[in-house]
C-alpha atoms as a PDB file:
ATOM      1  CA  MET A   1      -0.176  -0.177  -0.310  1.00  0.00           C
ATOM      2  CA  GLU A   2       2.742   2.070   0.705  1.00  0.00           C
ATOM      3  CA  ALA A   3       4.525   2.069  -2.401  1.00  0.00           C
ATOM      4  CA  ALA A   4       1.054   2.928  -4.345  1.00  0.00           C
ATOM      5  CA  VAL A   5       0.734   6.088  -1.907  1.00  0.00           C
ATOM      6  CA  ARG A   6       3.970   7.327  -2.421  1.00  0.00           C
ATOM      7  CA  GLY A   7       4.422   6.104  -6.540  1.00  0.00           C
ATOM      8  CA  ASP A   8       7.391   4.471  -5.597  1.00  0.00           C
ATOM      9  CA  VAL A   9       8.625   1.800  -8.106  1.00  0.00           C
ATOM     10  CA  THR A  10      10.936   0.262  -5.843  1.00  0.00           C
ATOM     11  CA  LEU A  11       8.660  -0.479  -3.325  1.00  0.00           C
ATOM     12  CA  LEU A  12       5.969  -2.159  -5.632  1.00  0.00           C
ATOM     13  CA  LYS A  13       8.503  -4.234  -7.033  1.00  0.00           C
ATOM     14  CA  GLN A  14       9.772  -5.025  -3.409  1.00  0.00           C
ATOM     15  CA  ALA A  15       5.908  -5.969  -2.660  1.00  0.00           C
ATOM     16  CA  MET A  16       5.278  -7.655  -5.828  1.00  0.00           C
ATOM     17  CA  LEU A  17       8.334 -10.125  -4.546  1.00  0.00           C
ATOM     18  CA  HIS A  18       7.442 -10.864  -1.433  1.00  0.00           C
ATOM     19  CA  ASP A  19       3.668 -12.222  -2.778  1.00  0.00           C
ATOM     20  CA  PRO A  20       4.028 -15.740  -1.794  1.00  0.00           C
ATOM     21  CA  LEU A  21       2.636 -16.866  -5.280  1.00  0.00           C
ATOM     22  CA  VAL A  22       4.885 -14.285  -7.225  1.00  0.00           C
ATOM     23  CA  GLY A  23       8.053 -15.186  -5.329  1.00  0.00           C
ATOM     24  CA  ALA A  24       6.925 -19.027  -5.616  1.00  0.00           C
ATOM     25  CA  VAL A  25       7.142 -18.883  -9.697  1.00  0.00           C
ATOM     26  CA  CYS A  26       9.377 -16.003 -10.655  1.00  0.00           C
ATOM     27  CA  ASN A  27      13.062 -14.734  -9.923  1.00  0.00           C
ATOM     28  CA  PRO A  28      13.629 -11.531  -9.020  1.00  0.00           C
ATOM     29  CA  GLU A  29      14.361 -10.116 -12.534  1.00  0.00           C
ATOM     30  CA  GLU A  30      11.464 -11.663 -13.780  1.00  0.00           C
ATOM     31  CA  VAL A  31       9.391  -9.722 -11.145  1.00  0.00           C
ATOM     32  CA  TRP A  32      11.170  -6.430 -12.201  1.00  0.00           C
ATOM     33  CA  GLN A  33      10.388  -6.889 -15.888  1.00  0.00           C
ATOM     34  CA  MET A  34       6.781  -8.022 -14.850  1.00  0.00           C
ATOM     35  CA  THR A  35       6.484  -4.767 -12.668  1.00  0.00           C
ATOM     36  CA  ASP A  36       7.970  -2.623 -15.641  1.00  0.00           C
ATOM     37  CA  GLU A  37       5.289  -4.267 -18.078  1.00  0.00           C
ATOM     38  CA  MET A  38       2.214  -3.530 -15.455  1.00  0.00           C
ATOM     39  CA  LEU A  39       2.989  -0.201 -15.209  1.00  0.00           C
ATOM     40  CA  VAL A  40       3.557   0.608 -18.957  1.00  0.00           C
ATOM     41  CA  ALA A  41       0.240  -1.661 -19.839  1.00  0.00           C
ATOM     42  CA  GLN A  42      -1.756  -0.028 -17.061  1.00  0.00           C
ATOM     43  CA  ALA A  43      -0.252   3.588 -16.808  1.00  0.00           C
ATOM     44  CA  SER A  44      -4.168   5.250 -17.099  1.00  0.00           C
ATOM     45  CA  TRP A  45      -4.899   3.273 -14.135  1.00  0.00           C
ATOM     46  CA  LEU A  46      -2.057   4.371 -12.090  1.00  0.00           C
ATOM     47  CA  PRO A  47      -1.648   8.231 -12.172  1.00  0.00           C
ATOM     48  CA  GLN A  48       0.821   8.509  -9.224  1.00  0.00           C
ATOM     49  CA  TYR A  49       3.559   6.330 -11.273  1.00  0.00           C
ATOM     50  CA  LYS A  50       2.824   8.942 -14.038  1.00  0.00           C
ATOM     51  CA  SER A  51       6.679  10.217 -13.723  1.00  0.00           C
ATOM     52  CA  GLN A  52       8.116   6.705 -13.401  1.00  0.00           C
ATOM     53  CA  ILE A  53       6.138   4.986 -16.654  1.00  0.00           C
ATOM     54  CA  PRO A  54       8.542   6.508 -19.307  1.00  0.00           C
ATOM     55  CA  THR A  55      11.427   5.064 -17.601  1.00  0.00           C
ATOM     56  CA  ALA A  56       9.822   1.490 -17.187  1.00  0.00           C
ATOM     57  CA  ALA A  57       9.187   1.589 -21.000  1.00  0.00           C
ATOM     58  CA  GLN A  58      12.609   2.547 -21.704  1.00  0.00           C
ATOM     59  CA  ARG A  59      13.934  -0.304 -19.512  1.00  0.00           C
ATOM     60  CA  LEU A  60      11.759  -2.653 -21.250  1.00  0.00           C
ATOM     61  CA  ALA A  61      12.994  -1.092 -24.841  1.00  0.00           C
ATOM     62  CA  GLN A  62      16.454  -1.315 -23.722  1.00  0.00           C
ATOM     63  CA  ALA A  63      16.504  -4.901 -22.498  1.00  0.00           C
ATOM     64  CA  VAL A  64      14.872  -6.069 -25.734  1.00  0.00           C
ATOM     65  CA  LYS A  65      17.535  -3.941 -27.951  1.00  0.00           C
ATOM     66  CA  ASP A  66      20.484  -5.184 -26.058  1.00  0.00           C
ATOM     67  CA  GLY A  67      18.973  -8.800 -25.788  1.00  0.00           C
ATOM     68  CA  THR A  68      18.687  -9.279 -21.848  1.00  0.00           C
ATOM     69  CA  ARG A  69      15.001  -9.074 -21.781  1.00  0.00           C
ATOM     70  CA  VAL A  70      13.739 -12.153 -19.694  1.00  0.00           C
ATOM     71  CA  LYS A  71      12.557 -14.702 -21.962  1.00  0.00           C
ATOM     72  CA  LEU A  72       9.205 -16.459 -20.733  1.00  0.00           C
ATOM     73  CA  ARG A  73       9.611 -20.143 -20.141  1.00  0.00           C
ATOM     74  CA  SER A  74       7.150 -22.181 -22.723  1.00  0.00           C
ATOM     75  CA  ASP A  75       7.588 -25.163 -20.720  1.00  0.00           C
ATOM     76  CA  TYR A  76       6.161 -24.030 -17.413  1.00  0.00           C
ATOM     77  CA  GLN A  77       2.628 -23.375 -16.466  1.00  0.00           C
ATOM     78  CA  GLY A  78       2.693 -22.246 -13.046  1.00  0.00           C
ATOM     79  CA  ALA A  79       1.388 -23.837 -10.090  1.00  0.00           C
ATOM     80  CA  ALA A  80      -1.958 -22.777 -10.346  1.00  0.00           C
ATOM     81  CA  ARG A  81      -2.187 -24.921 -13.568  1.00  0.00           C
ATOM     82  CA  VAL A  82      -1.538 -28.169 -11.978  1.00  0.00           C
ATOM     83  CA  HIS A  83      -3.741 -31.085 -13.282  1.00  0.00           C
ATOM     84  CA  THR A  84      -6.884 -31.295 -11.095  1.00  0.00           C
ATOM     85  CA  LYS A  85      -7.919 -34.959 -10.489  1.00  0.00           C
ATOM     86  CA  THR A  86     -11.379 -35.915 -11.570  1.00  0.00           C
ATOM     87  CA  VAL A  87     -13.861 -38.227  -9.625  1.00  0.00           C
ATOM     88  CA  GLN A  88     -12.879 -41.387 -11.638  1.00  0.00           C
ATOM     89  CA  GLU A  89      -9.007 -40.555 -11.140  1.00  0.00           C
ATOM     90  CA  MET A  90      -9.389 -40.179  -7.036  1.00  0.00           C
ATOM     91  CA  ALA A  91     -11.448 -43.387  -6.880  1.00  0.00           C
ATOM     92  CA  ARG A  92      -8.678 -45.358  -8.917  1.00  0.00           C
ATOM     93  CA  ASP A  93      -5.839 -43.979  -6.797  1.00  0.00           C
ATOM     94  CA  ARG A  94      -8.019 -44.299  -3.130  1.00  0.00           C
ATOM     95  CA  GLN A  95      -5.331 -46.731  -2.022  1.00  0.00           C
ATOM     96  CA  ALA A  96      -2.563 -45.135  -2.472  1.00  0.00           C
ATOM     97  CA  ALA A  97      -4.222 -41.914  -0.917  1.00  0.00           C
ATOM     98  CA  ARG A  98      -5.085 -43.839   2.083  1.00  0.00           C
ATOM     99  CA  ASP A  99      -1.584 -45.321   2.601  1.00  0.00           C
ATOM    100  CA  ASN A 100      -0.071 -42.383   2.236  1.00  0.00           C
ATOM    101  CA  ALA A 101      -2.507 -40.774   5.042  1.00  0.00           C
ATOM    102  CA  SER A 102      -1.459 -43.925   7.208  1.00  0.00           C
ATOM    103  CA  ALA A 103       2.199 -43.078   6.784  1.00  0.00           C
ATOM    104  CA  ALA A 104       1.168 -39.443   7.878  1.00  0.00           C
ATOM    105  CA  ASP A 105      -0.855 -40.477  10.871  1.00  0.00           C
ATOM    106  CA  LYS A 106       2.193 -40.871  13.289  1.00  0.00           C
ATOM    107  CA  GLY A 107       0.206 -40.479  16.269  1.00  0.00           C
ATOM    108  CA  LYS A 108      -2.020 -43.096  15.107  1.00  0.00           C
ATOM    109  CA  MET A 109      -5.127 -41.143  15.733  1.00  0.00           C
ATOM    110  CA  THR A 110      -7.194 -42.604  13.081  1.00  0.00           C
ATOM    111  CA  LYS A 111      -8.276 -46.020  12.027  1.00  0.00           C
ATOM    112  CA  THR A 112      -9.708 -47.416   9.344  1.00  0.00           C
ATOM    113  CA  SER A 113     -12.332 -50.123   8.989  1.00  0.00           C
ATOM    114  CA  THR A 114     -11.262 -53.235   6.707  1.00  0.00           C
ATOM    115  CA  ALA A 115     -14.655 -52.089   4.999  1.00  0.00           C
ATOM    116  CA  ALA A 116     -13.032 -48.779   4.438  1.00  0.00           C
ATOM    117  CA  VAL A 117     -10.147 -50.159   2.965  1.00  0.00           C
ATOM    118  CA  GLY A 118     -12.094 -52.178   0.076  1.00  0.00           C
ATOM    119  CA  GLY A 119     -14.309 -49.199  -0.587  1.00  0.00           C
ATOM    120  CA  GLY A 120     -17.091 -46.974   0.855  1.00  0.00           C
ATOM    121  CA  GLY A 121     -16.235 -46.860   4.576  1.00  0.00           C
ATOM    122  CA  GLN A 122     -15.651 -43.895   6.802  1.00  0.00           C
ATOM    123  CA  VAL A 123     -12.422 -43.049   8.507  1.00  0.00           C
ATOM    124  CA  THR A 124     -13.395 -42.343  12.588  1.00  0.00           C
ATOM    125  CA  LYS A 125     -11.241 -40.766  15.189  1.00  0.00           C
ATOM    126  CA  ARG A 126     -10.108 -42.922  18.235  1.00  0.00           C
ATOM    127  CA  LYS A 127     -10.705 -41.458  21.507  1.00  0.00           C
ATOM    128  CA  ARG A 128      -8.319 -40.525  23.769  1.00  0.00           C
ATOM    129  CA  GLY A 129      -8.412 -41.918  27.158  1.00  0.00           C
END
């Protein structure tokens, strides 16, 4: 918010870099370029950055001229685009999921009935006592 109030591009870049989703998939150089691209593309909506937008455009043009512009990875789709399993895929992988859950249950807080392993059963909490 402070970046927007002050119209400070450096603070804006730092804020974008600290966003967990951006930081998880972009390195700092990609974040800097993405910020410049956003400033140029959305200039009419960002009057507080008016004095710095021409400089952002110059940085982008210079990077193209020098051949130093960050190249997008064509083989990368981002974490948000990971395949989501269908109901049929989850049913097919049910036993592997149960085995994984059992391995993670270090406190032995859950138990499954033999019917649950075969299909359709419930996982119930074991009472402490």
